[in-house]
Amino acid sequence: MLKWSSCHFLAYSEASKATWRSNVYDHFNISLRREMDGNGEPFRMVFVFTCKVDPRNHTIHLRPRMSSAFGTKNLQDGVHACNKRIGIVSGTSTRLVGEPYTPAGHRALIALRCAKNHRPFNSVLDEDYQAEVEMLRPGTVIPAPKTVSRDIKTLYAEMSKNVKNYFMVSF
């Protein structure tokens, strides 16, 4: 029988999430948990959906691993209730609600967009992008491509500490 390590759980969880299409999953930290039967034998694996926004007041959602293709209605209802409880109007992004503009926050978003979407660092030089930023927030200074590259390296270095700590605690 295959023994699952934390690394296996993480890889399986990430592979599963890659096939999930709904943006409702963005509201949650998603992990995979092995449940045991009364004899201490592995019984099943379940996905655990923990609210990123209000984890104390938002009930954890559980979904058996083999039942992950049965829709997102219960998750959507939970997100709607959570957003209503904390005062977020439906249809708005939870990502930036209530956060004022800061140059550092803007740089972080640019770095994340480039890293997540495989965009080149010099996409900040695009005239249409610059026009959009100017339209939305006149006078905003857009970082140079070298700055975007440096920010991504800094984010990677800082986030890798979290990954290291995760695996240190897991073993």
Foldseek 3Di string as FASTA:
>chain_A
DDDDAQVNFVVVFVVVVVPDDDPLLVQWDKGKDFDAPPVRHTDFIWIWTAGPPCRVPQDIDIGTPVRPPPDCVVSVVSVVVVCVVVPHDPPDDPPCPPPDDDLVVVLLVLLCCCVVVVNQLQVLVDPVNVVVCCVVPNPDDGDHSVSSVVSNVVVVVVVVVVVVVVVVVRD
